[in-house]
Amino acid sequence: MFISQRFFPSEFGNDVDRVHAVELARTSFATKAKIRRAVEAERIPYTYVASNFFAGLYLS
């Protein structure tokens, strides 16, 4: 029996390493980017899913 363990963080669609955001979102994305770096540094198997969440939420 093969059991795979993989980390799927809840990103809600934005690729925080490639987005250029206004300040409200920038702070949130910076925190998520720090978590990504920690996961990568610990060599935890991960998959990021970026579905390009609409940015209007942070602009209204």
PDB file of N, CA and C in Angstrom:
ATOM      1  N   MET A   1       0.838  -1.174   0.000  1.00  0.00           N
ATOM      2  CA  MET A   1       0.000   0.000   0.000  1.00  0.00           C
ATOM      3  C   MET A   1       0.891   1.249   0.000  1.00  0.00           C
ATOM      4  N   PHE A   2       0.553   2.199  -0.860  1.00  0.00           N
ATOM      5  CA  PHE A   2       1.315   3.437  -0.980  1.00  0.00           C
ATOM      6  C   PHE A   2       0.463   4.595  -0.477  1.00  0.00           C
ATOM      7  N   ILE A   3       0.971   5.311   0.505  1.00  0.00           N
ATOM      8  CA  ILE A   3       0.269   6.486   1.027  1.00  0.00           C
ATOM      9  C   ILE A   3       1.135   7.704   0.740  1.00  0.00           C
ATOM     10  N   SER A   4       0.583   8.634   0.014  1.00  0.00           N
ATOM     11  CA  SER A   4       1.301   9.853  -0.329  1.00  0.00           C
ATOM     12  C   SER A   4       0.890  10.973   0.616  1.00  0.00           C
ATOM     13  N   GLN A   5       1.852  11.691   1.121  1.00  0.00           N
ATOM     14  CA  GLN A   5       1.567  12.847   1.958  1.00  0.00           C
ATOM     15  C   GLN A   5       2.161  14.068   1.280  1.00  0.00           C
ATOM     16  N   ARG A   6       1.300  15.019   1.005  1.00  0.00           N
ATOM     17  CA  ARG A   6       1.713  16.208   0.279  1.00  0.00           C
ATOM     18  C   ARG A   6       0.986  17.403   0.863  1.00  0.00           C
ATOM     19  N   PHE A   7       1.652  18.541   0.931  1.00  0.00           N
ATOM     20  CA  PHE A   7       1.090  19.758   1.496  1.00  0.00           C
ATOM     21  C   PHE A   7       0.461  20.582   0.381  1.00  0.00           C
ATOM     22  N   PHE A   8      -0.838  20.874   0.509  1.00  0.00           N
ATOM     23  CA  PHE A   8      -1.567  21.738  -0.415  1.00  0.00           C
ATOM     24  C   PHE A   8      -2.045  22.957   0.365  1.00  0.00           C
ATOM     25  N   PRO A   9      -1.267  24.040   0.405  1.00  0.00           N
ATOM     26  CA  PRO A   9      -1.708  25.211   1.169  1.00  0.00           C
ATOM     27  C   PRO A   9      -2.888  25.900   0.499  1.00  0.00           C
ATOM     28  N   SER A  10      -3.705  26.542   1.300  1.00  0.00           N
ATOM     29  CA  SER A  10      -4.858  27.266   0.745  1.00  0.00           C
ATOM     30  C   SER A  10      -4.393  28.639   0.282  1.00  0.00           C
ATOM     31  N   GLU A  11      -4.185  28.788  -0.988  1.00  0.00           N
ATOM     32  CA  GLU A  11      -3.690  30.035  -1.574  1.00  0.00           C
ATOM     33  C   GLU A  11      -4.818  30.900  -2.116  1.00  0.00           C
ATOM     34  N   PHE A  12      -5.975  30.357  -2.313  1.00  0.00           N
ATOM     35  CA  PHE A  12      -7.123  31.059  -2.867  1.00  0.00           C
ATOM     36  C   PHE A  12      -6.824  31.685  -4.223  1.00  0.00           C
ATOM     37  N   GLY A  13      -5.962  31.051  -4.983  1.00  0.00           N
ATOM     38  CA  GLY A  13      -5.826  31.383  -6.383  1.00  0.00           C
ATOM     39  C   GLY A  13      -4.728  32.318  -6.806  1.00  0.00           C
ATOM     40  N   ASN A  14      -4.067  32.998  -5.904  1.00  0.00           N
ATOM     41  CA  ASN A  14      -3.024  33.938  -6.312  1.00  0.00           C
ATOM     42  C   ASN A  14      -1.645  33.319  -6.158  1.00  0.00           C
ATOM     43  N   ASP A  15      -0.806  33.534  -7.148  1.00  0.00           N
ATOM     44  CA  ASP A  15       0.582  33.100  -7.040  1.00  0.00           C
ATOM     45  C   ASP A  15       1.353  34.238  -6.385  1.00  0.00           C
ATOM     46  N   VAL A  16       1.576  34.132  -5.097  1.00  0.00           N
ATOM     47  CA  VAL A  16       2.147  35.237  -4.325  1.00  0.00           C
ATOM     48  C   VAL A  16       3.574  35.580  -4.732  1.00  0.00           C
ATOM     49  N   ASP A  17       4.238  34.703  -5.455  1.00  0.00           N
ATOM     50  CA  ASP A  17       5.591  34.995  -5.914  1.00  0.00           C
ATOM     51  C   ASP A  17       5.606  35.807  -7.206  1.00  0.00           C
ATOM     52  N   ARG A  18       4.466  35.937  -7.859  1.00  0.00           N
ATOM     53  CA  ARG A  18       4.430  36.631  -9.154  1.00  0.00           C
ATOM     54  C   ARG A  18       3.454  37.789  -9.215  1.00  0.00           C
ATOM     55  N   VAL A  19       2.787  38.087  -8.132  1.00  0.00           N
ATOM     56  CA  VAL A  19       1.762  39.118  -8.148  1.00  0.00           C
ATOM     57  C   VAL A  19       2.352  40.470  -7.724  1.00  0.00           C
ATOM     58  N   HIS A  20       1.848  41.532  -8.314  1.00  0.00           N
ATOM     59  CA  HIS A  20       2.189  42.900  -7.922  1.00  0.00           C
ATOM     60  C   HIS A  20       0.908  43.504  -7.371  1.00  0.00           C
ATOM     61  N   ALA A  21       0.837  43.664  -6.062  1.00  0.00           N
ATOM     62  CA  ALA A  21      -0.425  44.027  -5.418  1.00  0.00           C
ATOM     63  C   ALA A  21      -0.350  45.379  -4.722  1.00  0.00           C
ATOM     64  N   VAL A  22      -1.533  45.949  -4.490  1.00  0.00           N
ATOM     65  CA  VAL A  22      -1.638  47.169  -3.685  1.00  0.00           C
ATOM     66  C   VAL A  22      -1.404  46.792  -2.227  1.00  0.00           C
ATOM     67  N   GLU A  23      -1.248  47.787  -1.366  1.00  0.00           N
ATOM     68  CA  GLU A  23      -0.782  47.543  -0.003  1.00  0.00           C
ATOM     69  C   GLU A  23      -1.624  46.564   0.809  1.00  0.00           C
ATOM     70  N   LEU A  24      -2.905  46.652   0.779  1.00  0.00           N
ATOM     71  CA  LEU A  24      -3.718  45.744   1.594  1.00  0.00           C
ATOM     72  C   LEU A  24      -3.409  44.283   1.268  1.00  0.00           C
ATOM     73  N   ALA A  25      -3.321  43.981   0.005  1.00  0.00           N
ATOM     74  CA  ALA A  25      -3.027  42.606  -0.412  1.00  0.00           C
ATOM     75  C   ALA A  25      -1.544  42.278  -0.265  1.00  0.00           C
ATOM     76  N   ARG A  26      -0.678  43.268  -0.455  1.00  0.00           N
ATOM     77  CA  ARG A  26       0.766  43.031  -0.408  1.00  0.00           C
ATOM     78  C   ARG A  26       1.194  42.439   0.938  1.00  0.00           C
ATOM     79  N   THR A  27       0.631  42.950   2.023  1.00  0.00           N
ATOM     80  CA  THR A  27       0.963  42.439   3.353  1.00  0.00           C
ATOM     81  C   THR A  27       0.542  40.987   3.503  1.00  0.00           C
ATOM     82  N   SER A  28      -0.647  40.671   3.036  1.00  0.00           N
ATOM     83  CA  SER A  28      -1.148  39.298   3.097  1.00  0.00           C
ATOM     84  C   SER A  28      -0.286  38.369   2.244  1.00  0.00           C
ATOM     85  N   PHE A  29       0.063  38.812   1.059  1.00  0.00           N
ATOM     86  CA  PHE A  29       0.872  37.990   0.162  1.00  0.00           C
ATOM     87  C   PHE A  29       2.288  37.793   0.705  1.00  0.00           C
ATOM     88  N   ALA A  30       2.832  38.814   1.369  1.00  0.00           N
ATOM     89  CA  ALA A  30       4.176  38.688   1.940  1.00  0.00           C
ATOM     90  C   ALA A  30       4.207  37.609   3.015  1.00  0.00           C
ATOM     91  N   THR A  31       3.153  37.541   3.811  1.00  0.00           N
ATOM     92  CA  THR A  31       3.067  36.496   4.833  1.00  0.00           C
ATOM     93  C   THR A  31       3.007  35.118   4.189  1.00  0.00           C
ATOM     94  N   LYS A  32       2.195  34.986   3.152  1.00  0.00           N
ATOM     95  CA  LYS A  32       2.086  33.702   2.453  1.00  0.00           C
ATOM     96  C   LYS A  32       3.410  33.323   1.789  1.00  0.00           C
ATOM     97  N   ALA A  33       4.134  34.309   1.271  1.00  0.00           N
ATOM     98  CA  ALA A  33       5.431  34.032   0.645  1.00  0.00           C
ATOM     99  C   ALA A  33       6.434  33.530   1.686  1.00  0.00           C
ATOM    100  N   LYS A  34       6.392  34.084   2.901  1.00  0.00           N
ATOM    101  CA  LYS A  34       7.278  33.612   3.968  1.00  0.00           C
ATOM    102  C   LYS A  34       6.974  32.159   4.319  1.00  0.00           C
ATOM    103  N   ILE A  35       5.692  31.819   4.337  1.00  0.00           N
ATOM    104  CA  ILE A  35       5.303  30.438   4.622  1.00  0.00           C
ATOM    105  C   ILE A  35       5.803  29.518   3.514  1.00  0.00           C
ATOM    106  N   ARG A  36       5.699  29.970   2.270  1.00  0.00           N
ATOM    107  CA  ARG A  36       6.224  29.170   1.148  1.00  0.00           C
ATOM    108  C   ARG A  36       7.713  28.902   1.318  1.00  0.00           C
ATOM    109  N   ARG A  37       8.468  29.943   1.657  1.00  0.00           N
ATOM    110  CA  ARG A  37       9.910  29.770   1.827  1.00  0.00           C
ATOM    111  C   ARG A  37      10.221  28.794   2.960  1.00  0.00           C
ATOM    112  N   ALA A  38       9.441  28.835   4.036  1.00  0.00           N
ATOM    113  CA  ALA A  38       9.658  27.913   5.155  1.00  0.00           C
ATOM    114  C   ALA A  38       9.368  26.475   4.739  1.00  0.00           C
ATOM    115  N   VAL A  39       8.291  26.271   3.986  1.00  0.00           N
ATOM    116  CA  VAL A  39       7.941  24.929   3.497  1.00  0.00           C
ATOM    117  C   VAL A  39       9.055  24.403   2.592  1.00  0.00           C
ATOM    118  N   GLU A  40       9.538  25.245   1.702  1.00  0.00           N
ATOM    119  CA  GLU A  40      10.605  24.839   0.790  1.00  0.00           C
ATOM    120  C   GLU A  40      11.904  24.548   1.544  1.00  0.00           C
ATOM    121  N   ALA A  41      12.218  25.363   2.551  1.00  0.00           N
ATOM    122  CA  ALA A  41      13.448  25.169   3.324  1.00  0.00           C
ATOM    123  C   ALA A  41      13.422  23.856   4.105  1.00  0.00           C
ATOM    124  N   GLU A  42      12.246  23.464   4.552  1.00  0.00           N
ATOM    125  CA  GLU A  42      12.107  22.212   5.305  1.00  0.00           C
ATOM    126  C   GLU A  42      11.974  20.994   4.395  1.00  0.00           C
ATOM    127  N   ARG A  43      11.946  21.241   3.100  1.00  0.00           N
ATOM    128  CA  ARG A  43      11.844  20.167   2.096  1.00  0.00           C
ATOM    129  C   ARG A  43      10.580  19.334   2.250  1.00  0.00           C
ATOM    130  N   ILE A  44       9.493  20.006   2.594  1.00  0.00           N
ATOM    131  CA  ILE A  44       8.188  19.358   2.697  1.00  0.00           C
ATOM    132  C   ILE A  44       7.625  19.231   1.285  1.00  0.00           C
ATOM    133  N   PRO A  45       7.150  18.057   0.884  1.00  0.00           N
ATOM    134  CA  PRO A  45       6.539  17.924  -0.445  1.00  0.00           C
ATOM    135  C   PRO A  45       5.301  18.821  -0.531  1.00  0.00           C
ATOM    136  N   TYR A  46       5.217  19.648  -1.563  1.00  0.00           N
ATOM    137  CA  TYR A  46       4.116  20.603  -1.659  1.00  0.00           C
ATOM    138  C   TYR A  46       3.645  20.740  -3.094  1.00  0.00           C
ATOM    139  N   THR A  47       2.447  21.275  -3.237  1.00  0.00           N
ATOM    140  CA  THR A  47       1.899  21.654  -4.530  1.00  0.00           C
ATOM    141  C   THR A  47       1.125  22.942  -4.336  1.00  0.00           C
ATOM    142  N   TYR A  48       1.456  23.962  -5.118  1.00  0.00           N
ATOM    143  CA  TYR A  48       0.707  25.214  -5.088  1.00  0.00           C
ATOM    144  C   TYR A  48      -0.223  25.234  -6.286  1.00  0.00           C
ATOM    145  N   VAL A  49      -1.472  25.582  -6.065  1.00  0.00           N
ATOM    146  CA  VAL A  49      -2.453  25.678  -7.139  1.00  0.00           C
ATOM    147  C   VAL A  49      -2.855  27.143  -7.252  1.00  0.00           C
ATOM    148  N   ALA A  50      -2.567  27.757  -8.383  1.00  0.00           N
ATOM    149  CA  ALA A  50      -2.911  29.163  -8.604  1.00  0.00           C
ATOM    150  C   ALA A  50      -3.985  29.237  -9.679  1.00  0.00           C
ATOM    151  N   SER A  51      -5.187  29.597  -9.265  1.00  0.00           N
ATOM    152  CA  SER A  51      -6.296  29.671 -10.226  1.00  0.00           C
ATOM    153  C   SER A  51      -6.649  31.110 -10.586  1.00  0.00           C
ATOM    154  N   ASN A  52      -5.772  32.047 -10.223  1.00  0.00           N
ATOM    155  CA  ASN A  52      -5.921  33.461 -10.573  1.00  0.00           C
ATOM    156  C   ASN A  52      -7.222  34.069 -10.061  1.00  0.00           C
ATOM    157  N   PHE A  53      -7.342  34.084  -8.757  1.00  0.00           N
ATOM    158  CA  PHE A  53      -8.461  34.688  -8.046  1.00  0.00           C
ATOM    159  C   PHE A  53      -8.614  36.145  -8.481  1.00  0.00           C
ATOM    160  N   PHE A  54      -9.846  36.625  -8.572  1.00  0.00           N
ATOM    161  CA  PHE A  54     -10.059  37.999  -9.025  1.00  0.00           C
ATOM    162  C   PHE A  54      -9.536  38.995  -7.995  1.00  0.00           C
ATOM    163  N   ALA A  55      -8.858  40.030  -8.457  1.00  0.00           N
ATOM    164  CA  ALA A  55      -8.209  40.998  -7.581  1.00  0.00           C
ATOM    165  C   ALA A  55      -9.149  42.084  -7.091  1.00  0.00           C
ATOM    166  N   GLY A  56     -10.342  42.155  -7.606  1.00  0.00           N
ATOM    167  CA  GLY A  56     -11.280  43.192  -7.205  1.00  0.00           C
ATOM    168  C   GLY A  56     -11.607  43.194  -5.728  1.00  0.00           C
ATOM    169  N   LEU A  57     -11.471  42.066  -5.073  1.00  0.00           N
ATOM    170  CA  LEU A  57     -11.743  41.980  -3.642  1.00  0.00           C
ATOM    171  C   LEU A  57     -10.862  42.954  -2.872  1.00  0.00           C
ATOM    172  N   TYR A  58      -9.607  43.095  -3.270  1.00  0.00           N
ATOM    173  CA  TYR A  58      -8.675  43.963  -2.564  1.00  0.00           C
ATOM    174  C   TYR A  58      -8.756  45.421  -3.021  1.00  0.00           C
ATOM    175  N   LEU A  59      -9.470  45.687  -4.064  1.00  0.00           N
ATOM    176  CA  LEU A  59      -9.539  47.045  -4.598  1.00  0.00           C
ATOM    177  C   LEU A  59     -10.796  47.793  -4.187  1.00  0.00           C
ATOM    178  N   SER A  60     -11.764  47.105  -3.616  1.00  0.00           N
ATOM    179  CA  SER A  60     -13.016  47.780  -3.260  1.00  0.00           C
ATOM    180  C   SER A  60     -13.019  48.282  -1.838  1.00  0.00           C
TER     181      SER A  60
END
